[in-house]
Amino acid sequence: MLATEHVFEHTYAARVLGFDETNLIDLNWYVLWGILAGCVFTYLTFALRRWSYKSMTAISFALAVVYLGWFYFMIDYGVEKESLFLPLFCRGFASVVISIIYLTSIVQSGLPFEIFPQALTLNGFTGAVMSATFGPAVIGELLSHITATDFSVLSSDLTSTNVTAKIIPVELLAGETGLQALLLAMKEIFGWLVIAAILFLLIILISYGPVKPMAIFPKWRTIRRIARRMARL
């Protein structure tokens, strides 16, 4: 649901909105504020009040719906930088909440603390593959095909027989027609993703999920004692 971060956001901000490097860097602050707010929220609700995994997952997907829905309805040429605060904030909030609850589930699954770092590493690699390679690859492929189709339809010099056969790299699109095709393709993909996010959210809401966090982390002196014993062995 959040793979558009790697494929769309920089291209949209730089090519469509015409932001310079300073404004592009400033957008990262919006995401950082969302991450910090998500950490505080998760600590107060998930750690202290022990909200269920289902509730926290539903909150994450609801924020993903807001993120995708904002871009679907609001994506355009004249969007101000400040208007991007809400979707980017929600993306940062959602990503950190879903990360924390699933990392906590590793501990609660019954793994002994001695092999917890290994499980954490495996989980990190899996998340890196899914979020940084597989998702953007699928979204990028869809963007190339849909943009090529829209560009062919919008361009008067291309025949209808080339609509599905001609694939135009996004980087080569130029001019008003190219930007319009790129914008339409992004809007279409955001639409499909927001529908998928809503469906997953509904599945989560109607599912039975009473499990609450019960992870017990050892104290630092216990960790040091275990480390010394392992070093001696």
C-alpha atoms as a PDB file:
ATOM      1  CA  MET A   1       0.000   0.000   0.000  1.00  0.00           C
ATOM      2  CA  LEU A   2       2.914   2.368   0.686  1.00  0.00           C
ATOM      3  CA  ALA A   3       5.135   1.369  -2.256  1.00  0.00           C
ATOM      4  CA  THR A   4       4.117   4.543  -4.099  1.00  0.00           C
ATOM      5  CA  GLU A   5       6.541   6.355  -1.785  1.00  0.00           C
ATOM      6  CA  HIS A   6       9.483   5.030  -3.823  1.00  0.00           C
ATOM      7  CA  VAL A   7       7.909   5.402  -7.274  1.00  0.00           C
ATOM      8  CA  PHE A   8       5.547   8.381  -7.284  1.00  0.00           C
ATOM      9  CA  GLU A   9       6.363  10.980  -4.682  1.00  0.00           C
ATOM     10  CA  HIS A  10       9.726  12.273  -5.918  1.00  0.00           C
ATOM     11  CA  THR A  11       8.618  12.158  -9.569  1.00  0.00           C
ATOM     12  CA  TYR A  12       5.381  13.981  -8.788  1.00  0.00           C
ATOM     13  CA  ALA A  13       7.025  16.635  -6.621  1.00  0.00           C
ATOM     14  CA  ALA A  14       9.981  17.244  -8.947  1.00  0.00           C
ATOM     15  CA  ARG A  15       8.506  16.860 -12.427  1.00  0.00           C
ATOM     16  CA  VAL A  16       4.858  17.815 -12.013  1.00  0.00           C
ATOM     17  CA  LEU A  17       5.006  20.347  -9.168  1.00  0.00           C
ATOM     18  CA  GLY A  18       8.475  21.596 -10.093  1.00  0.00           C
ATOM     19  CA  PHE A  19       9.936  21.546  -6.568  1.00  0.00           C
ATOM     20  CA  ASP A  20      13.647  22.243  -6.203  1.00  0.00           C
ATOM     21  CA  GLU A  21      15.993  20.200  -4.014  1.00  0.00           C
ATOM     22  CA  THR A  22      15.336  22.336  -0.938  1.00  0.00           C
ATOM     23  CA  ASN A  23      11.587  21.806  -1.103  1.00  0.00           C
ATOM     24  CA  LEU A  24      12.042  18.114  -1.824  1.00  0.00           C
ATOM     25  CA  ILE A  25      14.176  17.762   1.309  1.00  0.00           C
ATOM     26  CA  ASP A  26      11.623  19.722   3.344  1.00  0.00           C
ATOM     27  CA  LEU A  27       8.999  17.085   2.516  1.00  0.00           C
ATOM     28  CA  ASN A  28      10.989  14.575   4.564  1.00  0.00           C
ATOM     29  CA  TRP A  29      10.222  16.606   7.691  1.00  0.00           C
ATOM     30  CA  TYR A  30       6.512  15.858   7.223  1.00  0.00           C
ATOM     31  CA  VAL A  31       7.283  12.131   7.180  1.00  0.00           C
ATOM     32  CA  LEU A  32       9.581  12.455  10.213  1.00  0.00           C
ATOM     33  CA  TRP A  33       6.860  14.192  12.233  1.00  0.00           C
ATOM     34  CA  GLY A  34       4.494  11.364  11.336  1.00  0.00           C
ATOM     35  CA  ILE A  35       7.063   8.780  12.466  1.00  0.00           C
ATOM     36  CA  LEU A  36       7.628  10.554  15.786  1.00  0.00           C
ATOM     37  CA  ALA A  37       3.894  10.933  16.371  1.00  0.00           C
ATOM     38  CA  GLY A  38       3.386   7.266  15.504  1.00  0.00           C
ATOM     39  CA  CYS A  39       6.051   6.204  18.009  1.00  0.00           C
ATOM     40  CA  VAL A  40       4.465   8.232  20.802  1.00  0.00           C
ATOM     41  CA  PHE A  41       0.962   7.008  19.894  1.00  0.00           C
ATOM     42  CA  THR A  42       2.051   3.369  19.785  1.00  0.00           C
ATOM     43  CA  TYR A  43       3.827   3.665  23.136  1.00  0.00           C
ATOM     44  CA  LEU A  44       0.763   5.166  24.820  1.00  0.00           C
ATOM     45  CA  THR A  45      -1.785   2.787  23.288  1.00  0.00           C
ATOM     46  CA  PHE A  46      -0.003  -0.441  22.359  1.00  0.00           C
ATOM     47  CA  ALA A  47       2.618  -0.585  25.116  1.00  0.00           C
ATOM     48  CA  LEU A  48       0.866   1.065  28.074  1.00  0.00           C
ATOM     49  CA  ARG A  49      -2.842   0.504  27.382  1.00  0.00           C
ATOM     50  CA  ARG A  50      -2.256  -2.801  25.566  1.00  0.00           C
ATOM     51  CA  TRP A  51      -4.530  -2.218  22.622  1.00  0.00           C
ATOM     52  CA  SER A  52      -4.929  -5.348  20.513  1.00  0.00           C
ATOM     53  CA  TYR A  53      -2.924  -6.172  17.411  1.00  0.00           C
ATOM     54  CA  LYS A  54      -6.147  -5.964  15.417  1.00  0.00           C
ATOM     55  CA  SER A  55      -6.865  -2.405  16.539  1.00  0.00           C
ATOM     56  CA  MET A  56      -3.343  -1.198  15.780  1.00  0.00           C
ATOM     57  CA  THR A  57      -3.297  -2.895  12.383  1.00  0.00           C
ATOM     58  CA  ALA A  58      -6.671  -1.369  11.531  1.00  0.00           C
ATOM     59  CA  ILE A  59      -5.351   2.076  12.491  1.00  0.00           C
ATOM     60  CA  SER A  60      -2.346   1.578  10.213  1.00  0.00           C
ATOM     61  CA  PHE A  61      -4.481   0.563   7.252  1.00  0.00           C
ATOM     62  CA  ALA A  62      -6.909   3.428   7.914  1.00  0.00           C
ATOM     63  CA  LEU A  63      -3.999   5.862   7.716  1.00  0.00           C
ATOM     64  CA  ALA A  64      -2.880   4.168   4.499  1.00  0.00           C
ATOM     65  CA  VAL A  65      -6.370   4.751   3.109  1.00  0.00           C
ATOM     66  CA  VAL A  66      -6.094   8.446   4.012  1.00  0.00           C
ATOM     67  CA  TYR A  67      -2.658   8.651   2.374  1.00  0.00           C
ATOM     68  CA  LEU A  68      -3.748   6.962  -0.859  1.00  0.00           C
ATOM     69  CA  GLY A  69      -7.161   8.646  -0.928  1.00  0.00           C
ATOM     70  CA  TRP A  70      -5.658  12.112  -0.582  1.00  0.00           C
ATOM     71  CA  PHE A  71      -3.442  11.614  -3.610  1.00  0.00           C
ATOM     72  CA  TYR A  72      -6.272  10.060  -5.621  1.00  0.00           C
ATOM     73  CA  PHE A  73      -8.629  12.981  -5.050  1.00  0.00           C
ATOM     74  CA  MET A  74      -6.147  15.862  -4.737  1.00  0.00           C
ATOM     75  CA  ILE A  75      -3.295  15.062  -7.127  1.00  0.00           C
ATOM     76  CA  ASP A  76      -2.987  17.920  -9.617  1.00  0.00           C
ATOM     77  CA  TYR A  77      -0.590  20.464 -11.073  1.00  0.00           C
ATOM     78  CA  GLY A  78      -1.080  23.329  -8.617  1.00  0.00           C
ATOM     79  CA  VAL A  79      -0.740  21.591  -5.236  1.00  0.00           C
ATOM     80  CA  GLU A  80       1.127  23.645  -2.634  1.00  0.00           C
ATOM     81  CA  LYS A  81       3.925  22.075  -0.601  1.00  0.00           C
ATOM     82  CA  GLU A  82       2.053  22.622   2.668  1.00  0.00           C
ATOM     83  CA  SER A  83      -0.893  20.622   1.291  1.00  0.00           C
ATOM     84  CA  LEU A  84       1.298  17.508   1.221  1.00  0.00           C
ATOM     85  CA  PHE A  85       1.669  17.544   5.004  1.00  0.00           C
ATOM     86  CA  LEU A  86      -1.395  15.361   5.677  1.00  0.00           C
ATOM     87  CA  PRO A  87      -0.640  12.437   3.303  1.00  0.00           C
ATOM     88  CA  LEU A  88       3.075  12.331   4.101  1.00  0.00           C
ATOM     89  CA  PHE A  89       2.373  12.580   7.834  1.00  0.00           C
ATOM     90  CA  CYS A  90      -0.103   9.696   7.571  1.00  0.00           C
ATOM     91  CA  ARG A  91       2.396   7.612   5.606  1.00  0.00           C
ATOM     92  CA  GLY A  92       5.100   8.046   8.233  1.00  0.00           C
ATOM     93  CA  PHE A  93       2.602   7.373  11.025  1.00  0.00           C
ATOM     94  CA  ALA A  94       1.240   4.225   9.383  1.00  0.00           C
ATOM     95  CA  SER A  95       4.631   2.765   8.473  1.00  0.00           C
ATOM     96  CA  VAL A  96       6.091   3.080  11.968  1.00  0.00           C
ATOM     97  CA  VAL A  97       2.973   1.741  13.717  1.00  0.00           C
ATOM     98  CA  ILE A  98       2.784  -1.361  11.533  1.00  0.00           C
ATOM     99  CA  SER A  99       6.534  -1.922  11.962  1.00  0.00           C
ATOM    100  CA  ILE A 100       6.398  -1.715  15.751  1.00  0.00           C
ATOM    101  CA  ILE A 101       3.470  -4.068  16.200  1.00  0.00           C
ATOM    102  CA  TYR A 102       4.915  -6.742  13.926  1.00  0.00           C
ATOM    103  CA  LEU A 103       8.348  -6.501  15.516  1.00  0.00           C
ATOM    104  CA  THR A 104       6.637  -6.926  18.884  1.00  0.00           C
ATOM    105  CA  SER A 105       4.853 -10.010  17.578  1.00  0.00           C
ATOM    106  CA  ILE A 106       8.251 -11.674  17.103  1.00  0.00           C
ATOM    107  CA  VAL A 107       8.883 -11.483  20.831  1.00  0.00           C
ATOM    108  CA  GLN A 108       5.350 -12.567  21.704  1.00  0.00           C
ATOM    109  CA  SER A 109       5.537 -15.567  19.385  1.00  0.00           C
ATOM    110  CA  GLY A 110       7.620 -17.371  22.015  1.00  0.00           C
ATOM    111  CA  LEU A 111      11.137 -17.030  20.650  1.00  0.00           C
ATOM    112  CA  PRO A 112      13.810 -17.065  23.356  1.00  0.00           C
ATOM    113  CA  PHE A 113      15.729 -13.850  23.752  1.00  0.00           C
ATOM    114  CA  GLU A 114      19.021 -15.479  22.672  1.00  0.00           C
ATOM    115  CA  ILE A 115      17.824 -15.874  19.070  1.00  0.00           C
ATOM    116  CA  PHE A 116      15.684 -12.729  19.001  1.00  0.00           C
ATOM    117  CA  PRO A 117      18.393 -10.727  17.145  1.00  0.00           C
ATOM    118  CA  GLN A 118      18.418 -13.376  14.406  1.00  0.00           C
ATOM    119  CA  ALA A 119      14.638 -13.245  14.070  1.00  0.00           C
ATOM    120  CA  LEU A 120      14.778  -9.446  14.056  1.00  0.00           C
ATOM    121  CA  THR A 121      17.360  -9.521  11.264  1.00  0.00           C
ATOM    122  CA  LEU A 122      15.297 -11.941   9.170  1.00  0.00           C
ATOM    123  CA  ASN A 123      12.214  -9.800   9.651  1.00  0.00           C
ATOM    124  CA  GLY A 124      14.176  -6.702   8.656  1.00  0.00           C
ATOM    125  CA  PHE A 125      15.455  -8.300   5.456  1.00  0.00           C
ATOM    126  CA  THR A 126      11.973  -9.526   4.574  1.00  0.00           C
ATOM    127  CA  GLY A 127      10.515  -6.070   5.135  1.00  0.00           C
ATOM    128  CA  ALA A 128      13.302  -4.487   3.115  1.00  0.00           C
ATOM    129  CA  VAL A 129      12.636  -6.835   0.193  1.00  0.00           C
ATOM    130  CA  MET A 130       8.881  -6.276   0.234  1.00  0.00           C
ATOM    131  CA  SER A 131       8.913  -2.526   0.802  1.00  0.00           C
ATOM    132  CA  ALA A 132      11.981  -1.463  -1.158  1.00  0.00           C
ATOM    133  CA  THR A 133      12.089  -3.849  -4.121  1.00  0.00           C
ATOM    134  CA  PHE A 134       9.015  -5.978  -4.781  1.00  0.00           C
ATOM    135  CA  GLY A 135       6.361  -3.322  -4.164  1.00  0.00           C
ATOM    136  CA  PRO A 136       8.062  -0.521  -6.125  1.00  0.00           C
ATOM    137  CA  ALA A 137       8.858  -2.956  -8.947  1.00  0.00           C
ATOM    138  CA  VAL A 138       5.177  -3.839  -9.355  1.00  0.00           C
ATOM    139  CA  ILE A 139       4.041  -0.224  -9.042  1.00  0.00           C
ATOM    140  CA  GLY A 140       6.765   0.967 -11.428  1.00  0.00           C
ATOM    141  CA  GLU A 141       5.778  -1.594 -14.042  1.00  0.00           C
ATOM    142  CA  LEU A 142       2.135  -0.560 -13.790  1.00  0.00           C
ATOM    143  CA  LEU A 143       3.124   3.088 -14.088  1.00  0.00           C
ATOM    144  CA  SER A 144       5.121   2.452 -17.265  1.00  0.00           C
ATOM    145  CA  HIS A 145       2.314   0.550 -18.986  1.00  0.00           C
ATOM    146  CA  ILE A 146      -0.534   2.825 -17.941  1.00  0.00           C
ATOM    147  CA  THR A 147       1.441   5.987 -18.726  1.00  0.00           C
ATOM    148  CA  ALA A 148       2.295   4.650 -22.176  1.00  0.00           C
ATOM    149  CA  THR A 149      -1.353   3.876 -22.841  1.00  0.00           C
ATOM    150  CA  ASP A 150      -2.513   7.304 -21.664  1.00  0.00           C
ATOM    151  CA  PHE A 151       0.248   9.025 -23.622  1.00  0.00           C
ATOM    152  CA  SER A 152      -0.769   7.174 -26.782  1.00  0.00           C
ATOM    153  CA  VAL A 153      -4.392   8.143 -26.327  1.00  0.00           C
ATOM    154  CA  LEU A 154      -3.565  11.790 -25.645  1.00  0.00           C
ATOM    155  CA  SER A 155      -1.068  12.143 -28.489  1.00  0.00           C
ATOM    156  CA  SER A 156      -2.625  12.866 -31.849  1.00  0.00           C
ATOM    157  CA  ASP A 157       0.398  11.558 -33.797  1.00  0.00           C
ATOM    158  CA  LEU A 158       0.097   7.992 -32.436  1.00  0.00           C
ATOM    159  CA  THR A 159      -2.322   5.553 -34.022  1.00  0.00           C
ATOM    160  CA  SER A 160      -4.771   3.478 -32.047  1.00  0.00           C
ATOM    161  CA  THR A 161      -2.878   0.296 -32.945  1.00  0.00           C
ATOM    162  CA  ASN A 162       0.043   1.399 -30.802  1.00  0.00           C
ATOM    163  CA  VAL A 163      -1.978   2.047 -27.672  1.00  0.00           C
ATOM    164  CA  THR A 164      -1.122  -1.234 -25.944  1.00  0.00           C
ATOM    165  CA  ALA A 165       2.002  -2.173 -27.887  1.00  0.00           C
ATOM    166  CA  LYS A 166       4.135   0.905 -27.332  1.00  0.00           C
ATOM    167  CA  ILE A 167       5.826   1.167 -23.937  1.00  0.00           C
ATOM    168  CA  ILE A 168       7.347   4.573 -23.213  1.00  0.00           C
ATOM    169  CA  PRO A 169       9.736   4.911 -20.270  1.00  0.00           C
ATOM    170  CA  VAL A 170       8.480   7.449 -17.759  1.00  0.00           C
ATOM    171  CA  GLU A 171      11.833   9.257 -17.880  1.00  0.00           C
ATOM    172  CA  LEU A 172      11.365  10.031 -21.598  1.00  0.00           C
ATOM    173  CA  LEU A 173       7.973  11.639 -21.269  1.00  0.00           C
ATOM    174  CA  ALA A 174       8.173  15.370 -21.841  1.00  0.00           C
ATOM    175  CA  GLY A 175       5.912  18.278 -22.579  1.00  0.00           C
ATOM    176  CA  GLU A 176       2.382  18.940 -21.472  1.00  0.00           C
ATOM    177  CA  THR A 177       1.040  15.714 -22.980  1.00  0.00           C
ATOM    178  CA  GLY A 178       3.666  13.618 -21.218  1.00  0.00           C
ATOM    179  CA  LEU A 179       3.016  15.217 -17.839  1.00  0.00           C
ATOM    180  CA  GLN A 180      -0.725  14.846 -18.274  1.00  0.00           C
ATOM    181  CA  ALA A 181      -0.328  11.159 -19.121  1.00  0.00           C
ATOM    182  CA  LEU A 182       1.932  10.691 -16.099  1.00  0.00           C
ATOM    183  CA  LEU A 183      -0.569  12.412 -13.821  1.00  0.00           C
ATOM    184  CA  LEU A 184      -3.487  10.340 -15.127  1.00  0.00           C
ATOM    185  CA  ALA A 185      -1.519   7.118 -14.658  1.00  0.00           C
ATOM    186  CA  MET A 186      -0.635   8.031 -11.073  1.00  0.00           C
ATOM    187  CA  LYS A 187      -4.258   8.881 -10.325  1.00  0.00           C
ATOM    188  CA  GLU A 188      -5.449   5.560 -11.726  1.00  0.00           C
ATOM    189  CA  ILE A 189      -2.936   3.527  -9.720  1.00  0.00           C
ATOM    190  CA  PHE A 190      -3.738   5.470  -6.550  1.00  0.00           C
ATOM    191  CA  GLY A 191      -7.392   4.651  -7.175  1.00  0.00           C
ATOM    192  CA  TRP A 192      -6.751   0.909  -7.423  1.00  0.00           C
ATOM    193  CA  LEU A 193      -4.540   0.971  -4.345  1.00  0.00           C
ATOM    194  CA  VAL A 194      -7.057   2.864  -2.226  1.00  0.00           C
ATOM    195  CA  ILE A 195      -9.723   0.305  -3.191  1.00  0.00           C
ATOM    196  CA  ALA A 196      -7.376  -2.524  -2.155  1.00  0.00           C
ATOM    197  CA  ALA A 197      -6.546  -0.744   1.111  1.00  0.00           C
ATOM    198  CA  ILE A 198     -10.230  -0.291   1.929  1.00  0.00           C
ATOM    199  CA  LEU A 199     -10.930  -3.980   1.247  1.00  0.00           C
ATOM    200  CA  PHE A 200      -8.064  -5.070   3.510  1.00  0.00           C
ATOM    201  CA  LEU A 201      -9.255  -2.664   6.192  1.00  0.00           C
ATOM    202  CA  LEU A 202     -12.754  -4.141   6.056  1.00  0.00           C
ATOM    203  CA  ILE A 203     -11.326  -7.663   6.345  1.00  0.00           C
ATOM    204  CA  ILE A 204      -9.330  -6.613   9.398  1.00  0.00           C
ATOM    205  CA  LEU A 205     -12.334  -4.942  11.023  1.00  0.00           C
ATOM    206  CA  ILE A 206     -14.650  -7.954  10.656  1.00  0.00           C
ATOM    207  CA  SER A 207     -11.990 -10.477  11.693  1.00  0.00           C
ATOM    208  CA  TYR A 208     -11.614 -11.878  15.212  1.00  0.00           C
ATOM    209  CA  GLY A 209      -8.418 -10.609  16.779  1.00  0.00           C
ATOM    210  CA  PRO A 210      -8.350 -10.525  20.598  1.00  0.00           C
ATOM    211  CA  VAL A 211      -4.562 -10.922  20.947  1.00  0.00           C
ATOM    212  CA  LYS A 212      -2.942  -8.131  22.958  1.00  0.00           C
ATOM    213  CA  PRO A 213       0.760  -7.366  23.470  1.00  0.00           C
ATOM    214  CA  MET A 214       2.286  -9.383  26.294  1.00  0.00           C
ATOM    215  CA  ALA A 215       5.965  -9.234  25.367  1.00  0.00           C
ATOM    216  CA  ILE A 216       8.347  -9.349  28.324  1.00  0.00           C
ATOM    217  CA  PHE A 217      11.767  -7.858  27.653  1.00  0.00           C
ATOM    218  CA  PRO A 218      14.649  -8.760  29.986  1.00  0.00           C
ATOM    219  CA  LYS A 219      16.344  -6.071  32.028  1.00  0.00           C
ATOM    220  CA  TRP A 220      19.714  -4.713  30.979  1.00  0.00           C
ATOM    221  CA  ARG A 221      21.547  -6.458  33.818  1.00  0.00           C
ATOM    222  CA  THR A 222      19.988  -9.742  32.679  1.00  0.00           C
ATOM    223  CA  ILE A 223      21.144  -9.119  29.138  1.00  0.00           C
ATOM    224  CA  ARG A 224      24.683  -8.377  30.340  1.00  0.00           C
ATOM    225  CA  ARG A 225      24.715 -11.556  32.430  1.00  0.00           C
ATOM    226  CA  ILE A 226      23.526 -13.644  29.462  1.00  0.00           C
ATOM    227  CA  ALA A 227      26.127 -12.028  27.203  1.00  0.00           C
ATOM    228  CA  ARG A 228      28.943 -12.782  29.667  1.00  0.00           C
ATOM    229  CA  ARG A 229      27.804 -16.402  30.011  1.00  0.00           C
ATOM    230  CA  MET A 230      27.631 -16.811  26.236  1.00  0.00           C
ATOM    231  CA  ALA A 231      31.100 -15.281  25.884  1.00  0.00           C
ATOM    232  CA  ARG A 232      32.547 -17.749  28.399  1.00  0.00           C
ATOM    233  CA  LEU A 233      30.917 -20.673  26.607  1.00  0.00           C
END
